[in-house]
Amino acid sequence: MEIHYKPQGVCSRAIDIVLDGDTIQSVTFTGGCSGNTQGVAALAQGMTVQEYIKRCKGIKCGMKKTSCPAQLAEALEEALSAATV
């Protein structure tokens, strides 16, 4: 399954995710802090959707109410909701 997500409240402009069942195969951020988003993508690869959400939901970036890792968790939660409807 491929997910294309437009994050809000962060520097990145898009998040593209590829899932294999409930496992994250790849994540690509467009924009944002290059080193941080590459690191988040590399760490998420191979992790289950539920584990990623548990670890990263609610993370904030400085004074912002959210972060790129948290926005990835939001995208994955939306995908789970859509899949169970």
PDB file of N, CA and C in Angstrom:
ATOM      1  N   MET A   1       0.841  -1.171   0.000  1.00  0.00           N
ATOM      2  CA  MET A   1       0.000   0.000   0.000  1.00  0.00           C
ATOM      3  C   MET A   1       0.888   1.237   0.000  1.00  0.00           C
ATOM      4  N   GLU A   2       0.539   2.201  -0.822  1.00  0.00           N
ATOM      5  CA  GLU A   2       1.265   3.472  -0.869  1.00  0.00           C
ATOM      6  C   GLU A   2       0.399   4.559  -0.269  1.00  0.00           C
ATOM      7  N   ILE A   3       1.019   5.393   0.551  1.00  0.00           N
ATOM      8  CA  ILE A   3       0.315   6.489   1.212  1.00  0.00           C
ATOM      9  C   ILE A   3       1.031   7.782   0.851  1.00  0.00           C
ATOM     10  N   HIS A   4       0.273   8.771   0.449  1.00  0.00           N
ATOM     11  CA  HIS A   4       0.805  10.097   0.153  1.00  0.00           C
ATOM     12  C   HIS A   4       0.120  11.043   1.138  1.00  0.00           C
ATOM     13  N   TYR A   5       0.906  11.680   1.992  1.00  0.00           N
ATOM     14  CA  TYR A   5       0.348  12.483   3.084  1.00  0.00           C
ATOM     15  C   TYR A   5       0.923  13.883   3.042  1.00  0.00           C
ATOM     16  N   LYS A   6       0.042  14.877   3.251  1.00  0.00           N
ATOM     17  CA  LYS A   6       0.489  16.273   3.320  1.00  0.00           C
ATOM     18  C   LYS A   6       0.514  16.673   4.793  1.00  0.00           C
ATOM     19  N   PRO A   7       1.717  16.769   5.385  1.00  0.00           N
ATOM     20  CA  PRO A   7       1.819  17.109   6.803  1.00  0.00           C
ATOM     21  C   PRO A   7       1.428  18.558   7.069  1.00  0.00           C
ATOM     22  N   GLN A   8       1.047  18.821   8.301  1.00  0.00           N
ATOM     23  CA  GLN A   8       0.674  20.173   8.707  1.00  0.00           C
ATOM     24  C   GLN A   8       1.469  20.577   9.932  1.00  0.00           C
ATOM     25  N   GLY A   9       1.889  21.844   9.976  1.00  0.00           N
ATOM     26  CA  GLY A   9       2.575  22.381  11.131  1.00  0.00           C
ATOM     27  C   GLY A   9       4.055  22.053  11.209  1.00  0.00           C
ATOM     28  N   VAL A  10       4.630  21.538  10.113  1.00  0.00           N
ATOM     29  CA  VAL A  10       6.058  21.194  10.079  1.00  0.00           C
ATOM     30  C   VAL A  10       6.678  21.724   8.790  1.00  0.00           C
ATOM     31  N   CYS A  11       7.988  21.629   8.702  1.00  0.00           N
ATOM     32  CA  CYS A  11       8.706  22.132   7.519  1.00  0.00           C
ATOM     33  C   CYS A  11       8.561  21.227   6.296  1.00  0.00           C
ATOM     34  N   SER A  12       8.431  19.927   6.505  1.00  0.00           N
ATOM     35  CA  SER A  12       8.292  19.033   5.348  1.00  0.00           C
ATOM     36  C   SER A  12       6.954  19.274   4.660  1.00  0.00           C
ATOM     37  N   ARG A  13       6.942  19.103   3.340  1.00  0.00           N
ATOM     38  CA  ARG A  13       5.753  19.388   2.541  1.00  0.00           C
ATOM     39  C   ARG A  13       4.975  18.144   2.139  1.00  0.00           C
ATOM     40  N   ALA A  14       5.614  16.986   2.213  1.00  0.00           N
ATOM     41  CA  ALA A  14       4.948  15.740   1.828  1.00  0.00           C
ATOM     42  C   ALA A  14       5.669  14.565   2.478  1.00  0.00           C
ATOM     43  N   ILE A  15       4.888  13.512   2.744  1.00  0.00           N
ATOM     44  CA  ILE A  15       5.449  12.262   3.241  1.00  0.00           C
ATOM     45  C   ILE A  15       4.879  11.149   2.374  1.00  0.00           C
ATOM     46  N   ASP A  16       5.763  10.356   1.775  1.00  0.00           N
ATOM     47  CA  ASP A  16       5.355   9.214   0.966  1.00  0.00           C
ATOM     48  C   ASP A  16       5.784   7.948   1.697  1.00  0.00           C
ATOM     49  N   ILE A  17       4.826   7.041   1.878  1.00  0.00           N
ATOM     50  CA  ILE A  17       5.047   5.840   2.683  1.00  0.00           C
ATOM     51  C   ILE A  17       4.655   4.619   1.862  1.00  0.00           C
ATOM     52  N   VAL A  18       5.448   3.559   1.968  1.00  0.00           N
ATOM     53  CA  VAL A  18       5.102   2.276   1.360  1.00  0.00           C
ATOM     54  C   VAL A  18       5.016   1.255   2.489  1.00  0.00           C
ATOM     55  N   LEU A  19       3.862   0.588   2.573  1.00  0.00           N
ATOM     56  CA  LEU A  19       3.635  -0.451   3.575  1.00  0.00           C
ATOM     57  C   LEU A  19       3.539  -1.812   2.907  1.00  0.00           C
ATOM     58  N   ASP A  20       3.997  -2.823   3.609  1.00  0.00           N
ATOM     59  CA  ASP A  20       3.794  -4.210   3.215  1.00  0.00           C
ATOM     60  C   ASP A  20       3.027  -4.837   4.371  1.00  0.00           C
ATOM     61  N   GLY A  21       1.719  -4.921   4.226  1.00  0.00           N
ATOM     62  CA  GLY A  21       0.881  -5.350   5.340  1.00  0.00           C
ATOM     63  C   GLY A  21       0.952  -4.293   6.422  1.00  0.00           C
ATOM     64  N   ASP A  22       1.394  -4.690   7.623  1.00  0.00           N
ATOM     65  CA  ASP A  22       1.513  -3.723   8.716  1.00  0.00           C
ATOM     66  C   ASP A  22       2.961  -3.311   8.974  1.00  0.00           C
ATOM     67  N   THR A  23       3.830  -3.554   7.998  1.00  0.00           N
ATOM     68  CA  THR A  23       5.246  -3.212   8.143  1.00  0.00           C
ATOM     69  C   THR A  23       5.608  -2.052   7.218  1.00  0.00           C
ATOM     70  N   ILE A  24       6.341  -1.091   7.758  1.00  0.00           N
ATOM     71  CA  ILE A  24       6.786   0.063   6.976  1.00  0.00           C
ATOM     72  C   ILE A  24       7.977  -0.369   6.112  1.00  0.00           C
ATOM     73  N   GLN A  25       7.803  -0.283   4.803  1.00  0.00           N
ATOM     74  CA  GLN A  25       8.877  -0.651   3.871  1.00  0.00           C
ATOM     75  C   GLN A  25       9.781   0.532   3.560  1.00  0.00           C
ATOM     76  N   SER A  26       9.175   1.708   3.354  1.00  0.00           N
ATOM     77  CA  SER A  26       9.978   2.898   3.078  1.00  0.00           C
ATOM     78  C   SER A  26       9.187   4.153   3.402  1.00  0.00           C
ATOM     79  N   VAL A  27       9.933   5.212   3.714  1.00  0.00           N
ATOM     80  CA  VAL A  27       9.360   6.525   3.980  1.00  0.00           C
ATOM     81  C   VAL A  27      10.245   7.545   3.283  1.00  0.00           C
ATOM     82  N   THR A  28       9.629   8.501   2.593  1.00  0.00           N
ATOM     83  CA  THR A  28      10.356   9.594   1.960  1.00  0.00           C
ATOM     84  C   THR A  28       9.685  10.900   2.334  1.00  0.00           C
ATOM     85  N   PHE A  29      10.454  11.811   2.900  1.00  0.00           N
ATOM     86  CA  PHE A  29       9.963  13.151   3.218  1.00  0.00           C
ATOM     87  C   PHE A  29      10.397  14.099   2.119  1.00  0.00           C
ATOM     88  N   THR A  30       9.526  15.019   1.736  1.00  0.00           N
ATOM     89  CA  THR A  30       9.884  16.096   0.824  1.00  0.00           C
ATOM     90  C   THR A  30       9.973  17.358   1.660  1.00  0.00           C
ATOM     91  N   GLY A  31      11.145  17.983   1.656  1.00  0.00           N
ATOM     92  CA  GLY A  31      11.360  19.162   2.478  1.00  0.00           C
ATOM     93  C   GLY A  31      11.696  18.769   3.907  1.00  0.00           C
ATOM     94  N   GLY A  32      11.795  19.758   4.749  1.00  0.00           N
ATOM     95  CA  GLY A  32      12.141  19.512   6.142  1.00  0.00           C
ATOM     96  C   GLY A  32      13.642  19.463   6.334  1.00  0.00           C
ATOM     97  N   CYS A  33      14.058  19.137   7.541  1.00  0.00           N
ATOM     98  CA  CYS A  33      15.482  19.043   7.888  1.00  0.00           C
ATOM     99  C   CYS A  33      16.021  17.725   7.352  1.00  0.00           C
ATOM    100  N   SER A  34      16.844  17.792   6.336  1.00  0.00           N
ATOM    101  CA  SER A  34      17.279  16.615   5.590  1.00  0.00           C
ATOM    102  C   SER A  34      17.832  15.501   6.477  1.00  0.00           C
ATOM    103  N   GLY A  35      18.749  15.829   7.345  1.00  0.00           N
ATOM    104  CA  GLY A  35      19.346  14.792   8.192  1.00  0.00           C
ATOM    105  C   GLY A  35      18.326  14.149   9.119  1.00  0.00           C
ATOM    106  N   ASN A  36      17.469  14.973   9.708  1.00  0.00           N
ATOM    107  CA  ASN A  36      16.455  14.438  10.620  1.00  0.00           C
ATOM    108  C   ASN A  36      15.441  13.560   9.896  1.00  0.00           C
ATOM    109  N   THR A  37      14.958  14.024   8.753  1.00  0.00           N
ATOM    110  CA  THR A  37      13.942  13.234   8.060  1.00  0.00           C
ATOM    111  C   THR A  37      14.532  11.950   7.483  1.00  0.00           C
ATOM    112  N   GLN A  38      15.788  11.991   7.038  1.00  0.00           N
ATOM    113  CA  GLN A  38      16.428  10.759   6.574  1.00  0.00           C
ATOM    114  C   GLN A  38      16.595   9.774   7.730  1.00  0.00           C
ATOM    115  N   GLY A  39      16.945  10.302   8.898  1.00  0.00           N
ATOM    116  CA  GLY A  39      17.094   9.447  10.068  1.00  0.00           C
ATOM    117  C   GLY A  39      15.781   8.811  10.489  1.00  0.00           C
ATOM    118  N   VAL A  40      14.719   9.606  10.528  1.00  0.00           N
ATOM    119  CA  VAL A  40      13.398   9.085  10.883  1.00  0.00           C
ATOM    120  C   VAL A  40      12.992   8.003   9.888  1.00  0.00           C
ATOM    121  N   ALA A  41      13.187   8.267   8.603  1.00  0.00           N
ATOM    122  CA  ALA A  41      12.817   7.291   7.567  1.00  0.00           C
ATOM    123  C   ALA A  41      13.596   5.993   7.721  1.00  0.00           C
ATOM    124  N   ALA A  42      14.885   6.099   7.994  1.00  0.00           N
ATOM    125  CA  ALA A  42      15.722   4.900   8.140  1.00  0.00           C
ATOM    126  C   ALA A  42      15.318   4.092   9.375  1.00  0.00           C
ATOM    127  N   LEU A  43      15.012   4.778  10.468  1.00  0.00           N
ATOM    128  CA  LEU A  43      14.618   4.076  11.690  1.00  0.00           C
ATOM    129  C   LEU A  43      13.235   3.434  11.569  1.00  0.00           C
ATOM    130  N   ALA A  44      12.341   4.060  10.815  1.00  0.00           N
ATOM    131  CA  ALA A  44      10.985   3.529  10.656  1.00  0.00           C
ATOM    132  C   ALA A  44      10.954   2.282   9.766  1.00  0.00           C
ATOM    133  N   GLN A  45      11.891   2.189   8.848  1.00  0.00           N
ATOM    134  CA  GLN A  45      11.908   1.065   7.899  1.00  0.00           C
ATOM    135  C   GLN A  45      11.989  -0.264   8.650  1.00  0.00           C
ATOM    136  N   GLY A  46      11.065  -1.161   8.347  1.00  0.00           N
ATOM    137  CA  GLY A  46      11.025  -2.481   8.967  1.00  0.00           C
ATOM    138  C   GLY A  46      10.202  -2.534  10.248  1.00  0.00           C
ATOM    139  N   MET A  47       9.801  -1.385  10.763  1.00  0.00           N
ATOM    140  CA  MET A  47       9.008  -1.317  11.987  1.00  0.00           C
ATOM    141  C   MET A  47       7.527  -1.519  11.655  1.00  0.00           C
ATOM    142  N   THR A  48       6.775  -2.087  12.580  1.00  0.00           N
ATOM    143  CA  THR A  48       5.342  -2.198  12.345  1.00  0.00           C
ATOM    144  C   THR A  48       4.699  -0.821  12.509  1.00  0.00           C
ATOM    145  N   VAL A  49       3.573  -0.652  11.856  1.00  0.00           N
ATOM    146  CA  VAL A  49       2.830   0.606  11.934  1.00  0.00           C
ATOM    147  C   VAL A  49       2.485   0.918  13.388  1.00  0.00           C
ATOM    148  N   GLN A  50       1.979  -0.062  14.114  1.00  0.00           N
ATOM    149  CA  GLN A  50       1.558   0.152  15.490  1.00  0.00           C
ATOM    150  C   GLN A  50       2.736   0.550  16.383  1.00  0.00           C
ATOM    151  N   GLU A  51       3.886  -0.078  16.197  1.00  0.00           N
ATOM    152  CA  GLU A  51       5.067   0.248  17.005  1.00  0.00           C
ATOM    153  C   GLU A  51       5.543   1.664  16.719  1.00  0.00           C
ATOM    154  N   TYR A  52       5.543   2.052  15.445  1.00  0.00           N
ATOM    155  CA  TYR A  52       5.974   3.409  15.102  1.00  0.00           C
ATOM    156  C   TYR A  52       5.049   4.433  15.755  1.00  0.00           C
ATOM    157  N   ILE A  53       3.741   4.221  15.635  1.00  0.00           N
ATOM    158  CA  ILE A  53       2.777   5.152  16.225  1.00  0.00           C
ATOM    159  C   ILE A  53       3.006   5.261  17.728  1.00  0.00           C
ATOM    160  N   LYS A  54       3.184   4.126  18.384  1.00  0.00           N
ATOM    161  CA  LYS A  54       3.396   4.101  19.831  1.00  0.00           C
ATOM    162  C   LYS A  54       4.639   4.913  20.221  1.00  0.00           C
ATOM    163  N   ARG A  55       5.691   4.808  19.444  1.00  0.00           N
ATOM    164  CA  ARG A  55       6.944   5.481  19.775  1.00  0.00           C
ATOM    165  C   ARG A  55       6.967   6.963  19.423  1.00  0.00           C
ATOM    166  N   CYS A  56       6.283   7.358  18.343  1.00  0.00           N
ATOM    167  CA  CYS A  56       6.492   8.703  17.801  1.00  0.00           C
ATOM    168  C   CYS A  56       5.301   9.650  17.867  1.00  0.00           C
ATOM    169  N   LYS A  57       4.125   9.140  18.166  1.00  0.00           N
ATOM    170  CA  LYS A  57       2.954  10.022  18.251  1.00  0.00           C
ATOM    171  C   LYS A  57       3.159  11.036  19.367  1.00  0.00           C
ATOM    172  N   GLY A  58       2.897  12.302  19.070  1.00  0.00           N
ATOM    173  CA  GLY A  58       2.972  13.340  20.080  1.00  0.00           C
ATOM    174  C   GLY A  58       4.325  14.017  20.231  1.00  0.00           C
ATOM    175  N   ILE A  59       5.333  13.583  19.482  1.00  0.00           N
ATOM    176  CA  ILE A  59       6.646  14.244  19.552  1.00  0.00           C
ATOM    177  C   ILE A  59       6.510  15.662  18.997  1.00  0.00           C
ATOM    178  N   LYS A  60       7.132  16.608  19.676  1.00  0.00           N
ATOM    179  CA  LYS A  60       7.076  18.005  19.238  1.00  0.00           C
ATOM    180  C   LYS A  60       8.451  18.455  18.751  1.00  0.00           C
ATOM    181  N   CYS A  61       8.450  19.454  17.890  1.00  0.00           N
ATOM    182  CA  CYS A  61       9.685  20.034  17.352  1.00  0.00           C
ATOM    183  C   CYS A  61       9.785  21.469  17.876  1.00  0.00           C
ATOM    184  N   GLY A  62      10.659  21.675  18.854  1.00  0.00           N
ATOM    185  CA  GLY A  62      10.800  23.017  19.426  1.00  0.00           C
ATOM    186  C   GLY A  62       9.487  23.503  19.991  1.00  0.00           C
ATOM    187  N   MET A  63       9.075  24.683  19.575  1.00  0.00           N
ATOM    188  CA  MET A  63       7.827  25.279  20.054  1.00  0.00           C
ATOM    189  C   MET A  63       6.604  24.848  19.227  1.00  0.00           C
ATOM    190  N   LYS A  64       6.824  24.069  18.187  1.00  0.00           N
ATOM    191  CA  LYS A  64       5.717  23.607  17.349  1.00  0.00           C
ATOM    192  C   LYS A  64       4.909  22.549  18.101  1.00  0.00           C
ATOM    193  N   LYS A  65       3.649  22.417  17.762  1.00  0.00           N
ATOM    194  CA  LYS A  65       2.778  21.444  18.418  1.00  0.00           C
ATOM    195  C   LYS A  65       2.973  20.026  17.887  1.00  0.00           C
ATOM    196  N   THR A  66       3.768  19.895  16.840  1.00  0.00           N
ATOM    197  CA  THR A  66       3.967  18.597  16.201  1.00  0.00           C
ATOM    198  C   THR A  66       5.393  18.526  15.653  1.00  0.00           C
ATOM    199  N   SER A  67       5.709  17.457  14.944  1.00  0.00           N
ATOM    200  CA  SER A  67       7.035  17.263  14.352  1.00  0.00           C
ATOM    201  C   SER A  67       6.885  16.357  13.135  1.00  0.00           C
ATOM    202  N   CYS A  68       7.952  16.210  12.375  1.00  0.00           N
ATOM    203  CA  CYS A  68       7.905  15.287  11.239  1.00  0.00           C
ATOM    204  C   CYS A  68       7.670  13.841  11.695  1.00  0.00           C
ATOM    205  N   PRO A  69       8.325  13.364  12.770  1.00  0.00           N
ATOM    206  CA  PRO A  69       8.025  12.004  13.227  1.00  0.00           C
ATOM    207  C   PRO A  69       6.561  11.851  13.654  1.00  0.00           C
ATOM    208  N   ALA A  70       6.013  12.874  14.320  1.00  0.00           N
ATOM    209  CA  ALA A  70       4.611  12.814  14.748  1.00  0.00           C
ATOM    210  C   ALA A  70       3.668  12.863  13.545  1.00  0.00           C
ATOM    211  N   GLN A  71       4.025  13.629  12.520  1.00  0.00           N
ATOM    212  CA  GLN A  71       3.182  13.693  11.326  1.00  0.00           C
ATOM    213  C   GLN A  71       3.177  12.361  10.587  1.00  0.00           C
ATOM    214  N   LEU A  72       4.300  11.653  10.595  1.00  0.00           N
ATOM    215  CA  LEU A  72       4.334  10.314  10.017  1.00  0.00           C
ATOM    216  C   LEU A  72       3.397   9.394  10.805  1.00  0.00           C
ATOM    217  N   ALA A  73       3.399   9.515  12.125  1.00  0.00           N
ATOM    218  CA  ALA A  73       2.488   8.720  12.954  1.00  0.00           C
ATOM    219  C   ALA A  73       1.034   9.050  12.618  1.00  0.00           C
ATOM    220  N   GLU A  74       0.728  10.329  12.407  1.00  0.00           N
ATOM    221  CA  GLU A  74      -0.635  10.743  12.026  1.00  0.00           C
ATOM    222  C   GLU A  74      -1.031  10.110  10.690  1.00  0.00           C
ATOM    223  N   ALA A  75      -0.118  10.143   9.728  1.00  0.00           N
ATOM    224  CA  ALA A  75      -0.402   9.550   8.418  1.00  0.00           C
ATOM    225  C   ALA A  75      -0.694   8.057   8.561  1.00  0.00           C
ATOM    226  N   LEU A  76       0.092   7.382   9.387  1.00  0.00           N
ATOM    227  CA  LEU A  76      -0.112   5.936   9.580  1.00  0.00           C
ATOM    228  C   LEU A  76      -1.431   5.655  10.310  1.00  0.00           C
ATOM    229  N   GLU A  77      -1.791   6.491  11.275  1.00  0.00           N
ATOM    230  CA  GLU A  77      -3.077   6.324  11.964  1.00  0.00           C
ATOM    231  C   GLU A  77      -4.240   6.499  10.996  1.00  0.00           C
ATOM    232  N   GLU A  78      -4.142   7.507  10.123  1.00  0.00           N
ATOM    233  CA  GLU A  78      -5.187   7.727   9.113  1.00  0.00           C
ATOM    234  C   GLU A  78      -5.303   6.509   8.197  1.00  0.00           C
ATOM    235  N   ALA A  79      -4.172   5.947   7.800  1.00  0.00           N
ATOM    236  CA  ALA A  79      -4.184   4.760   6.931  1.00  0.00           C
ATOM    237  C   ALA A  79      -4.836   3.582   7.632  1.00  0.00           C
ATOM    238  N   LEU A  80      -4.547   3.401   8.930  1.00  0.00           N
ATOM    239  CA  LEU A  80      -5.177   2.326   9.692  1.00  0.00           C
ATOM    240  C   LEU A  80      -6.682   2.522   9.768  1.00  0.00           C
ATOM    241  N   SER A  81      -7.107   3.750  10.010  1.00  0.00           N
ATOM    242  CA  SER A  81      -8.544   4.048  10.088  1.00  0.00           C
ATOM    243  C   SER A  81      -9.246   3.752   8.778  1.00  0.00           C
ATOM    244  N   ALA A  82      -8.633   4.185   7.692  1.00  0.00           N
ATOM    245  CA  ALA A  82      -9.228   3.966   6.369  1.00  0.00           C
ATOM    246  C   ALA A  82      -9.305   2.479   6.037  1.00  0.00           C
ATOM    247  N   ALA A  83      -8.305   1.728   6.473  1.00  0.00           N
ATOM    248  CA  ALA A  83      -8.258   0.289   6.162  1.00  0.00           C
ATOM    249  C   ALA A  83      -9.304  -0.504   6.951  1.00  0.00           C
ATOM    250  N   THR A  84      -9.716   0.001   8.120  1.00  0.00           N
ATOM    251  CA  THR A  84     -10.656  -0.731   8.942  1.00  0.00           C
ATOM    252  C   THR A  84     -12.095  -0.294   8.726  1.00  0.00           C
ATOM    253  N   VAL A  85     -12.311   0.709   7.877  1.00  0.00           N
ATOM    254  CA  VAL A  85     -13.679   1.199   7.613  1.00  0.00           C
ATOM    255  C   VAL A  85     -14.348   0.362   6.563  1.00  0.00           C
TER     256      VAL A  85
END
